[in-house]
C-alpha atoms as a PDB file:
ATOM      1  CA  UNK A   1     -42.225-293.484  58.802  1.00  0.00           C
ATOM      2  CA  UNK A   2     -44.233-293.263  55.596  1.00  0.00           C
ATOM      3  CA  UNK A   3     -43.362-296.845  54.663  1.00  0.00           C
ATOM      4  CA  UNK A   4     -44.552-298.087  58.082  1.00  0.00           C
ATOM      5  CA  UNK A   5     -47.846-296.213  57.612  1.00  0.00           C
ATOM      6  CA  UNK A   6     -48.291-297.777  54.140  1.00  0.00           C
ATOM      7  CA  UNK A   7     -47.616-301.213  55.617  1.00  0.00           C
ATOM      8  CA  UNK A   8     -50.241-300.606  58.291  1.00  0.00           C
ATOM      9  CA  UNK A   9     -52.816-299.421  55.743  1.00  0.00           C
ATOM     10  CA  UNK A  10     -52.183-302.446  53.493  1.00  0.00           C
ATOM     11  CA  UNK A  11     -52.484-304.780  56.474  1.00  0.00           C
ATOM     12  CA  UNK A  12     -55.752-303.183  57.596  1.00  0.00           C
ATOM     13  CA  UNK A  13     -57.116-303.489  54.060  1.00  0.00           C
ATOM     14  CA  UNK A  14     -56.220-307.191  53.921  1.00  0.00           C
ATOM     15  CA  UNK A  15     -57.817-307.905  57.287  1.00  0.00           C
ATOM     16  CA  UNK A  16     -60.942-305.942  56.399  1.00  0.00           C
ATOM     17  CA  UNK A  17     -61.370-307.604  53.003  1.00  0.00           C
ATOM     18  CA  UNK A  18     -60.514-311.215  53.895  1.00  0.00           C
ATOM     19  CA  UNK A  19     -61.249-311.727  57.607  1.00  0.00           C
ATOM     20  CA  UNK A  20     -64.743-313.207  57.026  1.00  0.00           C
ATOM     21  CA  UNK A  21     -63.457-315.691  54.450  1.00  0.00           C
ATOM     22  CA  UNK A  22     -60.510-316.607  56.672  1.00  0.00           C
ATOM     23  CA  UNK A  23     -62.883-317.222  59.564  1.00  0.00           C
ATOM     24  CA  UNK A  24     -65.209-319.429  57.503  1.00  0.00           C
ATOM     25  CA  UNK A  25     -62.260-321.476  56.253  1.00  0.00           C
ATOM     26  CA  UNK A  26     -60.784-321.730  59.771  1.00  0.00           C
ATOM     27  CA  UNK A  27     -64.157-322.768  61.178  1.00  0.00           C
ATOM     28  CA  UNK A  28     -64.456-325.488  58.574  1.00  0.00           C
ATOM     29  CA  UNK A  29     -60.913-326.690  59.279  1.00  0.00           C
ATOM     30  CA  UNK A  30     -61.221-326.926  63.076  1.00  0.00           C
ATOM     31  CA  UNK A  31     -65.028-326.989  63.631  1.00  0.00           C
ATOM     32  CA  UNK A  32     -64.735-324.898  66.805  1.00  0.00           C
ATOM     33  CA  UNK A  33     -65.677-321.217  66.879  1.00  0.00           C
ATOM     34  CA  UNK A  34     -63.204-320.053  69.523  1.00  0.00           C
ATOM     35  CA  UNK A  35     -60.398-322.110  68.001  1.00  0.00           C
ATOM     36  CA  UNK A  36     -61.228-320.660  64.566  1.00  0.00           C
ATOM     37  CA  UNK A  37     -61.107-317.145  66.005  1.00  0.00           C
ATOM     38  CA  UNK A  38     -57.703-317.876  67.548  1.00  0.00           C
ATOM     39  CA  UNK A  39     -56.518-319.347  64.269  1.00  0.00           C
ATOM     40  CA  UNK A  40     -57.554-316.236  62.326  1.00  0.00           C
ATOM     41  CA  UNK A  41     -55.900-314.015  64.926  1.00  0.00           C
ATOM     42  CA  UNK A  42     -52.658-316.002  64.689  1.00  0.00           C
ATOM     43  CA  UNK A  43     -52.885-315.852  60.895  1.00  0.00           C
ATOM     44  CA  UNK A  44     -53.262-312.082  61.037  1.00  0.00           C
ATOM     45  CA  UNK A  45     -50.284-311.773  63.386  1.00  0.00           C
ATOM     46  CA  UNK A  46     -48.116-313.835  61.057  1.00  0.00           C
ATOM     47  CA  UNK A  47     -49.350-311.832  58.080  1.00  0.00           C
ATOM     48  CA  UNK A  48     -48.371-308.588  59.811  1.00  0.00           C
ATOM     49  CA  UNK A  49     -44.904-309.913  60.627  1.00  0.00           C
ATOM     50  CA  UNK A  50     -44.281-311.068  57.069  1.00  0.00           C
ATOM     51  CA  UNK A  51     -46.253-308.503  55.069  1.00  0.00           C
ATOM     52  CA  UNK A  52     -43.060-307.397  53.322  1.00  0.00           C
ATOM     53  CA  UNK A  53     -42.829-310.940  51.835  1.00  0.00           C
ATOM     54  CA  UNK A  54     -46.102-310.457  49.957  1.00  0.00           C
ATOM     55  CA  UNK A  55     -44.819-309.763  46.461  1.00  0.00           C
ATOM     56  CA  UNK A  56     -48.075-309.589  44.509  1.00  0.00           C
ATOM     57  CA  UNK A  57     -51.075-307.901  46.131  1.00  0.00           C
ATOM     58  CA  UNK A  58     -53.405-309.714  43.702  1.00  0.00           C
ATOM     59  CA  UNK A  59     -52.446-313.023  45.340  1.00  0.00           C
ATOM     60  CA  UNK A  60     -53.035-311.796  48.895  1.00  0.00           C
ATOM     61  CA  UNK A  61     -56.069-314.039  49.483  1.00  0.00           C
ATOM     62  CA  UNK A  62     -54.146-317.181  48.562  1.00  0.00           C
ATOM     63  CA  UNK A  63     -51.206-315.942  50.642  1.00  0.00           C
ATOM     64  CA  UNK A  64     -53.451-315.501  53.699  1.00  0.00           C
ATOM     65  CA  UNK A  65     -55.150-318.878  53.170  1.00  0.00           C
ATOM     66  CA  UNK A  66     -51.716-320.511  52.987  1.00  0.00           C
ATOM     67  CA  UNK A  67     -50.726-318.867  56.265  1.00  0.00           C
ATOM     68  CA  UNK A  68     -53.989-320.045  57.857  1.00  0.00           C
ATOM     69  CA  UNK A  69     -53.489-323.567  56.536  1.00  0.00           C
ATOM     70  CA  UNK A  70     -49.953-323.653  57.945  1.00  0.00           C
ATOM     71  CA  UNK A  71     -51.133-322.234  61.275  1.00  0.00           C
ATOM     72  CA  UNK A  72     -53.803-324.930  61.441  1.00  0.00           C
ATOM     73  CA  UNK A  73     -51.146-327.584  60.863  1.00  0.00           C
ATOM     74  CA  UNK A  74     -48.947-326.021  63.577  1.00  0.00           C
ATOM     75  CA  UNK A  75     -51.910-325.980  65.934  1.00  0.00           C
ATOM     76  CA  UNK A  76     -52.380-329.716  65.595  1.00  0.00           C
ATOM     77  CA  UNK A  77     -48.658-330.401  65.737  1.00  0.00           C
ATOM     78  CA  UNK A  78     -48.752-328.889  69.261  1.00  0.00           C
ATOM     79  CA  UNK A  79     -52.268-330.074  70.170  1.00  0.00           C
ATOM     80  CA  UNK A  80     -52.651-332.931  72.618  1.00  0.00           C
ATOM     81  CA  UNK A  81     -56.342-333.732  72.995  1.00  0.00           C
ATOM     82  CA  UNK A  82     -57.723-334.479  76.409  1.00  0.00           C
ATOM     83  CA  UNK A  83     -59.206-337.950  76.441  1.00  0.00           C
ATOM     84  CA  UNK A  84     -62.842-338.020  77.509  1.00  0.00           C
ATOM     85  CA  UNK A  85     -64.642-341.183  78.446  1.00  0.00           C
ATOM     86  CA  UNK A  86     -68.133-341.124  76.896  1.00  0.00           C
ATOM     87  CA  UNK A  87     -70.541-343.416  75.153  1.00  0.00           C
ATOM     88  CA  UNK A  88     -70.550-343.049  71.382  1.00  0.00           C
ATOM     89  CA  UNK A  89     -74.355-343.152  71.333  1.00  0.00           C
ATOM     90  CA  UNK A  90     -74.465-339.787  73.128  1.00  0.00           C
ATOM     91  CA  UNK A  91     -72.452-338.027  70.418  1.00  0.00           C
ATOM     92  CA  UNK A  92     -74.606-336.399  67.749  1.00  0.00           C
ATOM     93  CA  UNK A  93     -73.344-335.832  64.224  1.00  0.00           C
ATOM     94  CA  UNK A  94     -75.726-332.896  63.796  1.00  0.00           C
ATOM     95  CA  UNK A  95     -74.633-329.424  64.814  1.00  0.00           C
ATOM     96  CA  UNK A  96     -77.593-327.826  66.569  1.00  0.00           C
ATOM     97  CA  UNK A  97     -76.297-324.305  65.916  1.00  0.00           C
ATOM     98  CA  UNK A  98     -76.328-324.748  62.148  1.00  0.00           C
ATOM     99  CA  UNK A  99     -78.729-325.951  59.497  1.00  0.00           C
ATOM    100  CA  UNK A 100     -80.079-329.331  60.578  1.00  0.00           C
ATOM    101  CA  UNK A 101     -82.252-330.125  57.593  1.00  0.00           C
ATOM    102  CA  UNK A 102     -81.778-333.618  56.162  1.00  0.00           C
ATOM    103  CA  UNK A 103     -80.191-332.130  53.029  1.00  0.00           C
ATOM    104  CA  UNK A 104     -77.663-330.082  55.013  1.00  0.00           C
ATOM    105  CA  UNK A 105     -76.876-333.071  57.195  1.00  0.00           C
ATOM    106  CA  UNK A 106     -76.344-335.268  54.125  1.00  0.00           C
ATOM    107  CA  UNK A 107     -74.015-332.650  52.606  1.00  0.00           C
ATOM    108  CA  UNK A 108     -71.991-332.322  55.830  1.00  0.00           C
ATOM    109  CA  UNK A 109     -71.724-336.082  56.086  1.00  0.00           C
ATOM    110  CA  UNK A 110     -70.668-336.425  52.441  1.00  0.00           C
ATOM    111  CA  UNK A 111     -68.026-333.694  52.883  1.00  0.00           C
ATOM    112  CA  UNK A 112     -66.736-335.394  56.022  1.00  0.00           C
ATOM    113  CA  UNK A 113     -66.352-338.676  54.157  1.00  0.00           C
ATOM    114  CA  UNK A 114     -64.614-337.023  51.196  1.00  0.00           C
ATOM    115  CA  UNK A 115     -60.860-337.673  51.131  1.00  0.00           C
ATOM    116  CA  UNK A 116     -58.821-334.686  52.341  1.00  0.00           C
ATOM    117  CA  UNK A 117     -57.059-334.372  48.971  1.00  0.00           C
ATOM    118  CA  UNK A 118     -60.460-333.646  47.372  1.00  0.00           C
ATOM    119  CA  UNK A 119     -62.153-331.859  50.273  1.00  0.00           C
ATOM    120  CA  UNK A 120     -59.560-329.128  50.803  1.00  0.00           C
ATOM    121  CA  UNK A 121     -59.452-327.786  47.209  1.00  0.00           C
ATOM    122  CA  UNK A 122     -63.257-327.853  47.097  1.00  0.00           C
ATOM    123  CA  UNK A 123     -63.558-325.898  50.349  1.00  0.00           C
ATOM    124  CA  UNK A 124     -60.933-323.402  49.248  1.00  0.00           C
ATOM    125  CA  UNK A 125     -62.985-322.817  46.116  1.00  0.00           C
ATOM    126  CA  UNK A 126     -66.438-322.754  47.717  1.00  0.00           C
ATOM    127  CA  UNK A 127     -65.712-321.169  51.105  1.00  0.00           C
ATOM    128  CA  UNK A 128     -62.570-319.244  50.264  1.00  0.00           C
ATOM    129  CA  UNK A 129     -63.545-318.209  46.749  1.00  0.00           C
ATOM    130  CA  UNK A 130     -60.057-318.969  45.461  1.00  0.00           C
ATOM    131  CA  UNK A 131     -59.266-319.545  41.798  1.00  0.00           C
ATOM    132  CA  UNK A 132     -57.652-322.756  40.551  1.00  0.00           C
ATOM    133  CA  UNK A 133     -54.266-321.016  40.429  1.00  0.00           C
ATOM    134  CA  UNK A 134     -54.644-319.806  44.016  1.00  0.00           C
ATOM    135  CA  UNK A 135     -55.775-323.240  45.236  1.00  0.00           C
ATOM    136  CA  UNK A 136     -52.791-324.823  43.494  1.00  0.00           C
ATOM    137  CA  UNK A 137     -50.526-322.374  45.292  1.00  0.00           C
ATOM    138  CA  UNK A 138     -52.109-322.983  48.708  1.00  0.00           C
ATOM    139  CA  UNK A 139     -52.109-326.786  48.334  1.00  0.00           C
ATOM    140  CA  UNK A 140     -48.710-326.859  46.636  1.00  0.00           C
ATOM    141  CA  UNK A 141     -49.982-328.815  43.620  1.00  0.00           C
ATOM    142  CA  UNK A 142     -50.237-328.034  39.911  1.00  0.00           C
ATOM    143  CA  UNK A 143     -53.200-326.216  38.385  1.00  0.00           C
ATOM    144  CA  UNK A 144     -54.171-329.337  36.412  1.00  0.00           C
ATOM    145  CA  UNK A 145     -54.069-331.450  39.587  1.00  0.00           C
ATOM    146  CA  UNK A 146     -56.261-328.840  41.265  1.00  0.00           C
ATOM    147  CA  UNK A 147     -58.796-328.946  38.440  1.00  0.00           C
ATOM    148  CA  UNK A 148     -58.809-332.756  38.536  1.00  0.00           C
ATOM    149  CA  UNK A 149     -59.324-332.824  42.296  1.00  0.00           C
ATOM    150  CA  UNK A 150     -62.141-330.289  42.097  1.00  0.00           C
ATOM    151  CA  UNK A 151     -63.861-332.275  39.370  1.00  0.00           C
ATOM    152  CA  UNK A 152     -63.517-335.540  41.302  1.00  0.00           C
ATOM    153  CA  UNK A 153     -64.685-333.944  44.551  1.00  0.00           C
ATOM    154  CA  UNK A 154     -67.826-332.606  42.904  1.00  0.00           C
ATOM    155  CA  UNK A 155     -68.423-335.923  41.163  1.00  0.00           C
ATOM    156  CA  UNK A 156     -68.072-337.875  44.423  1.00  0.00           C
ATOM    157  CA  UNK A 157     -70.468-335.513  46.196  1.00  0.00           C
ATOM    158  CA  UNK A 158     -72.939-335.810  43.336  1.00  0.00           C
ATOM    159  CA  UNK A 159     -72.710-339.623  43.483  1.00  0.00           C
ATOM    160  CA  UNK A 160     -73.437-339.601  47.214  1.00  0.00           C
ATOM    161  CA  UNK A 161     -76.124-336.916  47.253  1.00  0.00           C
ATOM    162  CA  UNK A 162     -77.879-337.826  44.003  1.00  0.00           C
ATOM    163  CA  UNK A 163     -77.137-341.464  43.270  1.00  0.00           C
ATOM    164  CA  UNK A 164     -79.987-341.683  40.763  1.00  0.00           C
ATOM    165  CA  UNK A 165     -78.178-339.236  38.429  1.00  0.00           C
ATOM    166  CA  UNK A 166     -75.173-341.540  38.250  1.00  0.00           C
ATOM    167  CA  UNK A 167     -77.245-344.485  37.001  1.00  0.00           C
ATOM    168  CA  UNK A 168     -77.517-345.130  33.297  1.00  0.00           C
ATOM    169  CA  UNK A 169     -80.801-346.555  32.025  1.00  0.00           C
ATOM    170  CA  UNK A 170     -80.341-349.462  29.675  1.00  0.00           C
END
């Protein structure tokens, strides 16, 4: 009975501490608020079921992000989009519910065009607040590969957003 109560308290602590970061990461991954909420809820359910597999409490954020990432992949493995017939000119790239300044739009566009292998580690660092070791664990790559991808992601964004800084004056 005591062990079950400890499990429940640990679970509640994890949800309380990391739910906002999980939601932001889920929202970035699927770009739909209700889908992101469902994804976080499914992540929390899976975390509860496998809480005894969490060996190191200090790595709980990376563990939860990994669960969310896997749940997102499962979601799209089952997802069959409904085809909608619409003119491409009517689709706006700007999200009216978020920041629509030209700078924010340029950043969103640059992130969208960034290759997934660079975008995901960057988002895990910026949105999720994960360390290089945690990102390596979530993405199943080495720490040095993580650092390289983060560097290249930032460099590519800098090249797109501030092309004048990349030019060398002769």
